[in-house]
Amino acid sequence: LADKMNSSVIFQNSFLILGVEIFS
């Protein structure tokens, strides 16, 4: 999913919400 992280604004922000703000 790394490429999707760099190409999809929805996926990027969703990852930042779940992976960074909540999880980390």
PDB file of all heavy atoms in Angstrom:
ATOM      1  N   LEU A   1       0.807  -1.224   0.000  1.00  0.00           N
ATOM      2  CA  LEU A   1       0.000   0.000   0.000  1.00  0.00           C
ATOM      3  C   LEU A   1       0.844   1.280   0.000  1.00  0.00           C
ATOM      4  O   LEU A   1       0.295   2.376   0.086  1.00  0.00           O
ATOM      5  CB  LEU A   1      -0.925   0.007   1.231  1.00  0.00           C
ATOM      6  CG  LEU A   1      -1.941  -1.137   1.301  1.00  0.00           C
ATOM      7  CD1 LEU A   1      -2.649  -1.118   2.650  1.00  0.00           C
ATOM      8  CD2 LEU A   1      -2.947  -1.024   0.159  1.00  0.00           C
ATOM      9  N   ALA A   2       2.170   1.123  -0.091  1.00  0.00           N
ATOM     10  CA  ALA A   2       3.051   2.291  -0.035  1.00  0.00           C
ATOM     11  C   ALA A   2       2.796   3.256  -1.191  1.00  0.00           C
ATOM     12  O   ALA A   2       2.777   4.478  -1.013  1.00  0.00           O
ATOM     13  CB  ALA A   2       4.508   1.843  -0.034  1.00  0.00           C
ATOM     14  N   ASP A   3       2.594   2.710  -2.396  1.00  0.00           N
ATOM     15  CA  ASP A   3       2.337   3.570  -3.559  1.00  0.00           C
ATOM     16  C   ASP A   3       1.012   4.309  -3.418  1.00  0.00           C
ATOM     17  O   ASP A   3       0.892   5.473  -3.811  1.00  0.00           O
ATOM     18  CB  ASP A   3       2.338   2.737  -4.836  1.00  0.00           C
ATOM     19  CG  ASP A   3       3.724   2.206  -5.189  1.00  0.00           C
ATOM     20  OD1 ASP A   3       4.703   2.822  -4.717  1.00  0.00           O
ATOM     21  OD2 ASP A   3       3.812   1.198  -5.903  1.00  0.00           O
ATOM     22  N   LYS A   4       0.031   3.631  -2.846  1.00  0.00           N
ATOM     23  CA  LYS A   4      -1.273   4.267  -2.648  1.00  0.00           C
ATOM     24  C   LYS A   4      -1.163   5.417  -1.658  1.00  0.00           C
ATOM     25  O   LYS A   4      -1.866   6.432  -1.769  1.00  0.00           O
ATOM     26  CB  LYS A   4      -2.281   3.236  -2.148  1.00  0.00           C
ATOM     27  CG  LYS A   4      -3.724   3.695  -2.289  1.00  0.00           C
ATOM     28  CD  LYS A   4      -4.697   2.553  -2.054  1.00  0.00           C
ATOM     29  CE  LYS A   4      -6.131   3.028  -2.319  1.00  0.00           C
ATOM     30  NZ  LYS A   4      -7.101   1.932  -2.131  1.00  0.00           N
ATOM     31  N   MET A   5      -0.264   5.290  -0.688  1.00  0.00           N
ATOM     32  CA  MET A   5      -0.025   6.339   0.294  1.00  0.00           C
ATOM     33  C   MET A   5       0.467   7.608  -0.384  1.00  0.00           C
ATOM     34  O   MET A   5       0.157   8.721   0.036  1.00  0.00           O
ATOM     35  CB  MET A   5       1.023   5.843   1.300  1.00  0.00           C
ATOM     36  CG  MET A   5       1.467   6.868   2.318  1.00  0.00           C
ATOM     37  SD  MET A   5       0.215   7.191   3.555  1.00  0.00           S
ATOM     38  CE  MET A   5       1.132   8.329   4.612  1.00  0.00           C
ATOM     39  N   ASN A   6       1.221   7.442  -1.459  1.00  0.00           N
ATOM     40  CA  ASN A   6       1.796   8.591  -2.162  1.00  0.00           C
ATOM     41  C   ASN A   6       0.940   9.076  -3.324  1.00  0.00           C
ATOM     42  O   ASN A   6       1.313  10.041  -3.993  1.00  0.00           O
ATOM     43  CB  ASN A   6       3.191   8.226  -2.684  1.00  0.00           C
ATOM     44  CG  ASN A   6       4.149   7.884  -1.558  1.00  0.00           C
ATOM     45  OD1 ASN A   6       4.131   8.521  -0.515  1.00  0.00           O
ATOM     46  ND2 ASN A   6       4.985   6.876  -1.778  1.00  0.00           N
ATOM     47  N   SER A   7      -0.185   8.414  -3.567  1.00  0.00           N
ATOM     48  CA  SER A   7      -1.001   8.799  -4.717  1.00  0.00           C
ATOM     49  C   SER A   7      -2.456   9.135  -4.367  1.00  0.00           C
ATOM     50  O   SER A   7      -3.128   9.818  -5.125  1.00  0.00           O
ATOM     51  CB  SER A   7      -0.992   7.680  -5.768  1.00  0.00           C
ATOM     52  OG  SER A   7      -1.522   6.477  -5.225  1.00  0.00           O
ATOM     53  N   SER A   8      -2.933   8.684  -3.218  1.00  0.00           N
ATOM     54  CA  SER A   8      -4.331   8.911  -2.836  1.00  0.00           C
ATOM     55  C   SER A   8      -4.418   9.816  -1.613  1.00  0.00           C
ATOM     56  O   SER A   8      -3.941   9.456  -0.529  1.00  0.00           O
ATOM     57  CB  SER A   8      -5.025   7.576  -2.538  1.00  0.00           C
ATOM     58  OG  SER A   8      -6.302   7.797  -1.978  1.00  0.00           O
ATOM     59  N   VAL A   9      -5.026  10.979  -1.771  1.00  0.00           N
ATOM     60  CA  VAL A   9      -5.149  11.919  -0.657  1.00  0.00           C
ATOM     61  C   VAL A   9      -6.053  11.358   0.432  1.00  0.00           C
ATOM     62  O   VAL A   9      -5.816  11.585   1.628  1.00  0.00           O
ATOM     63  CB  VAL A   9      -5.668  13.286  -1.165  1.00  0.00           C
ATOM     64  CG1 VAL A   9      -7.069  13.154  -1.747  1.00  0.00           C
ATOM     65  CG2 VAL A   9      -5.662  14.312  -0.039  1.00  0.00           C
ATOM     66  N   ILE A  10      -7.080  10.620   0.041  1.00  0.00           N
ATOM     67  CA  ILE A  10      -7.987  10.023   1.031  1.00  0.00           C
ATOM     68  C   ILE A  10      -7.265   8.951   1.835  1.00  0.00           C
ATOM     69  O   ILE A  10      -7.354   8.911   3.068  1.00  0.00           O
ATOM     70  CB  ILE A  10      -9.232   9.434   0.335  1.00  0.00           C
ATOM     71  CG1 ILE A  10     -10.062  10.546  -0.307  1.00  0.00           C
ATOM     72  CG2 ILE A  10     -10.080   8.639   1.334  1.00  0.00           C
ATOM     73  CD1 ILE A  10     -11.231  10.056  -1.132  1.00  0.00           C
ATOM     74  N   PHE A  11      -6.517   8.103   1.140  1.00  0.00           N
ATOM     75  CA  PHE A  11      -5.780   7.042   1.835  1.00  0.00           C
ATOM     76  C   PHE A  11      -4.690   7.653   2.716  1.00  0.00           C
ATOM     77  O   PHE A  11      -4.468   7.195   3.851  1.00  0.00           O
ATOM     78  CB  PHE A  11      -5.148   6.083   0.818  1.00  0.00           C
ATOM     79  CG  PHE A  11      -4.470   4.906   1.456  1.00  0.00           C
ATOM     80  CD1 PHE A  11      -5.187   3.769   1.802  1.00  0.00           C
ATOM     81  CD2 PHE A  11      -3.109   4.940   1.729  1.00  0.00           C
ATOM     82  CE1 PHE A  11      -4.565   2.686   2.403  1.00  0.00           C
ATOM     83  CE2 PHE A  11      -2.480   3.866   2.330  1.00  0.00           C
ATOM     84  CZ  PHE A  11      -3.204   2.727   2.665  1.00  0.00           C
ATOM     85  N   GLN A  12      -3.995   8.669   2.203  1.00  0.00           N
ATOM     86  CA  GLN A  12      -2.911   9.297   2.965  1.00  0.00           C
ATOM     87  C   GLN A  12      -3.423   9.871   4.283  1.00  0.00           C
ATOM     88  O   GLN A  12      -2.851   9.647   5.348  1.00  0.00           O
ATOM     89  CB  GLN A  12      -2.248  10.404   2.140  1.00  0.00           C
ATOM     90  CG  GLN A  12      -1.049  11.044   2.810  1.00  0.00           C
ATOM     91  CD  GLN A  12      -0.466  12.174   1.981  1.00  0.00           C
ATOM     92  OE1 GLN A  12      -1.020  13.270   1.940  1.00  0.00           O
ATOM     93  NE2 GLN A  12       0.658  11.914   1.316  1.00  0.00           N
ATOM     94  N   ASN A  13      -4.528  10.613   4.224  1.00  0.00           N
ATOM     95  CA  ASN A  13      -5.077  11.224   5.439  1.00  0.00           C
ATOM     96  C   ASN A  13      -5.672  10.175   6.379  1.00  0.00           C
ATOM     97  O   ASN A  13      -5.587  10.310   7.595  1.00  0.00           O
ATOM     98  CB  ASN A  13      -6.124  12.268   5.074  1.00  0.00           C
ATOM     99  CG  ASN A  13      -5.512  13.591   4.675  1.00  0.00           C
ATOM    100  OD1 ASN A  13      -5.275  14.463   5.510  1.00  0.00           O
ATOM    101  ND2 ASN A  13      -5.238  13.743   3.386  1.00  0.00           N
ATOM    102  N   SER A  14      -6.268   9.137   5.804  1.00  0.00           N
ATOM    103  CA  SER A  14      -6.810   8.058   6.634  1.00  0.00           C
ATOM    104  C   SER A  14      -5.688   7.348   7.384  1.00  0.00           C
ATOM    105  O   SER A  14      -5.829   7.009   8.575  1.00  0.00           O
ATOM    106  CB  SER A  14      -7.576   7.056   5.774  1.00  0.00           C
ATOM    107  OG  SER A  14      -8.665   7.679   5.129  1.00  0.00           O
ATOM    108  N   PHE A  15      -4.554   7.149   6.700  1.00  0.00           N
ATOM    109  CA  PHE A  15      -3.399   6.517   7.344  1.00  0.00           C
ATOM    110  C   PHE A  15      -2.845   7.420   8.446  1.00  0.00           C
ATOM    111  O   PHE A  15      -2.468   6.930   9.533  1.00  0.00           O
ATOM    112  CB  PHE A  15      -2.305   6.232   6.316  1.00  0.00           C
ATOM    113  CG  PHE A  15      -1.029   5.732   6.927  1.00  0.00           C
ATOM    114  CD1 PHE A  15      -0.912   4.408   7.317  1.00  0.00           C
ATOM    115  CD2 PHE A  15       0.048   6.590   7.129  1.00  0.00           C
ATOM    116  CE1 PHE A  15       0.264   3.940   7.899  1.00  0.00           C
ATOM    117  CE2 PHE A  15       1.217   6.132   7.706  1.00  0.00           C
ATOM    118  CZ  PHE A  15       1.330   4.801   8.091  1.00  0.00           C
ATOM    119  N   LEU A  16      -2.779   8.719   8.189  1.00  0.00           N
ATOM    120  CA  LEU A  16      -2.276   9.651   9.201  1.00  0.00           C
ATOM    121  C   LEU A  16      -3.175   9.655  10.437  1.00  0.00           C
ATOM    122  O   LEU A  16      -2.693   9.756  11.569  1.00  0.00           O
ATOM    123  CB  LEU A  16      -2.171  11.064   8.615  1.00  0.00           C
ATOM    124  CG  LEU A  16      -1.098  11.273   7.540  1.00  0.00           C
ATOM    125  CD1 LEU A  16      -1.179  12.668   6.963  1.00  0.00           C
ATOM    126  CD2 LEU A  16       0.291  11.016   8.113  1.00  0.00           C
ATOM    127  N   ILE A  17      -4.475   9.543  10.218  1.00  0.00           N
ATOM    128  CA  ILE A  17      -5.414   9.513  11.339  1.00  0.00           C
ATOM    129  C   ILE A  17      -5.236   8.247  12.164  1.00  0.00           C
ATOM    130  O   ILE A  17      -5.068   8.295  13.391  1.00  0.00           O
ATOM    131  CB  ILE A  17      -6.871   9.622  10.839  1.00  0.00           C
ATOM    132  CG1 ILE A  17      -7.138  11.008  10.250  1.00  0.00           C
ATOM    133  CG2 ILE A  17      -7.847   9.351  11.990  1.00  0.00           C
ATOM    134  CD1 ILE A  17      -8.473  11.125   9.539  1.00  0.00           C
ATOM    135  N   LEU A  18      -5.254   7.100  11.488  1.00  0.00           N
ATOM    136  CA  LEU A  18      -5.202   5.817  12.195  1.00  0.00           C
ATOM    137  C   LEU A  18      -3.783   5.415  12.594  1.00  0.00           C
ATOM    138  O   LEU A  18      -3.536   5.024  13.740  1.00  0.00           O
ATOM    139  CB  LEU A  18      -5.815   4.715  11.317  1.00  0.00           C
ATOM    140  CG  LEU A  18      -7.298   4.878  10.980  1.00  0.00           C
ATOM    141  CD1 LEU A  18      -7.735   3.805   9.975  1.00  0.00           C
ATOM    142  CD2 LEU A  18      -8.145   4.779  12.242  1.00  0.00           C
ATOM    143  N   GLY A  19      -2.855   5.519  11.638  1.00  0.00           N
ATOM    144  CA  GLY A  19      -1.492   5.034  11.876  1.00  0.00           C
ATOM    145  C   GLY A  19      -0.636   5.951  12.714  1.00  0.00           C
ATOM    146  O   GLY A  19       0.231   5.480  13.465  1.00  0.00           O
ATOM    147  N   VAL A  20      -0.848   7.257  12.593  1.00  0.00           N
ATOM    148  CA  VAL A  20      -0.008   8.218  13.322  1.00  0.00           C
ATOM    149  C   VAL A  20      -0.730   8.759  14.550  1.00  0.00           C
ATOM    150  O   VAL A  20      -0.285   8.555  15.685  1.00  0.00           O
ATOM    151  CB  VAL A  20       0.439   9.375  12.397  1.00  0.00           C
ATOM    152  CG1 VAL A  20       1.266  10.389  13.189  1.00  0.00           C
ATOM    153  CG2 VAL A  20       1.250   8.845  11.227  1.00  0.00           C
ATOM    154  N   GLU A  21      -1.833   9.476  14.332  1.00  0.00           N
ATOM    155  CA  GLU A  21      -2.478  10.177  15.437  1.00  0.00           C
ATOM    156  C   GLU A  21      -3.023   9.230  16.513  1.00  0.00           C
ATOM    157  O   GLU A  21      -2.829   9.461  17.708  1.00  0.00           O
ATOM    158  CB  GLU A  21      -3.613  11.066  14.909  1.00  0.00           C
ATOM    159  CG  GLU A  21      -3.154  12.158  13.948  1.00  0.00           C
ATOM    160  CD  GLU A  21      -2.208  13.163  14.585  1.00  0.00           C
ATOM    161  OE1 GLU A  21      -2.189  13.255  15.827  1.00  0.00           O
ATOM    162  OE2 GLU A  21      -1.484  13.851  13.841  1.00  0.00           O
ATOM    163  N   ILE A  22      -3.693   8.181  16.107  1.00  0.00           N
ATOM    164  CA  ILE A  22      -4.303   7.283  17.092  1.00  0.00           C
ATOM    165  C   ILE A  22      -3.317   6.205  17.545  1.00  0.00           C
ATOM    166  O   ILE A  22      -3.057   6.034  18.744  1.00  0.00           O
ATOM    167  CB  ILE A  22      -5.579   6.638  16.517  1.00  0.00           C
ATOM    168  CG1 ILE A  22      -6.634   7.723  16.256  1.00  0.00           C
ATOM    169  CG2 ILE A  22      -6.120   5.573  17.474  1.00  0.00           C
ATOM    170  CD1 ILE A  22      -7.905   7.231  15.601  1.00  0.00           C
ATOM    171  N   PHE A  23      -2.752   5.472  16.570  1.00  0.00           N
ATOM    172  CA  PHE A  23      -1.880   4.334  16.892  1.00  0.00           C
ATOM    173  C   PHE A  23      -0.555   4.794  17.511  1.00  0.00           C
ATOM    174  O   PHE A  23      -0.089   4.217  18.501  1.00  0.00           O
ATOM    175  CB  PHE A  23      -1.622   3.521  15.626  1.00  0.00           C
ATOM    176  CG  PHE A  23      -0.857   2.252  15.856  1.00  0.00           C
ATOM    177  CD1 PHE A  23      -1.324   1.280  16.731  1.00  0.00           C
ATOM    178  CD2 PHE A  23       0.338   2.019  15.183  1.00  0.00           C
ATOM    179  CE1 PHE A  23      -0.620   0.106  16.943  1.00  0.00           C
ATOM    180  CE2 PHE A  23       1.058   0.841  15.384  1.00  0.00           C
ATOM    181  CZ  PHE A  23       0.572  -0.114  16.272  1.00  0.00           C
ATOM    182  N   SER A  24       0.072   5.835  16.946  1.00  0.00           N
ATOM    183  CA  SER A  24       1.417   6.237  17.382  1.00  0.00           C
ATOM    184  C   SER A  24       1.427   7.338  18.436  1.00  0.00           C
ATOM    185  O   SER A  24       2.424   7.491  19.148  1.00  0.00           O
ATOM    186  CB  SER A  24       2.243   6.696  16.170  1.00  0.00           C
ATOM    187  OG  SER A  24       2.341   5.678  15.207  1.00  0.00           O
TER     188      SER A  24
END
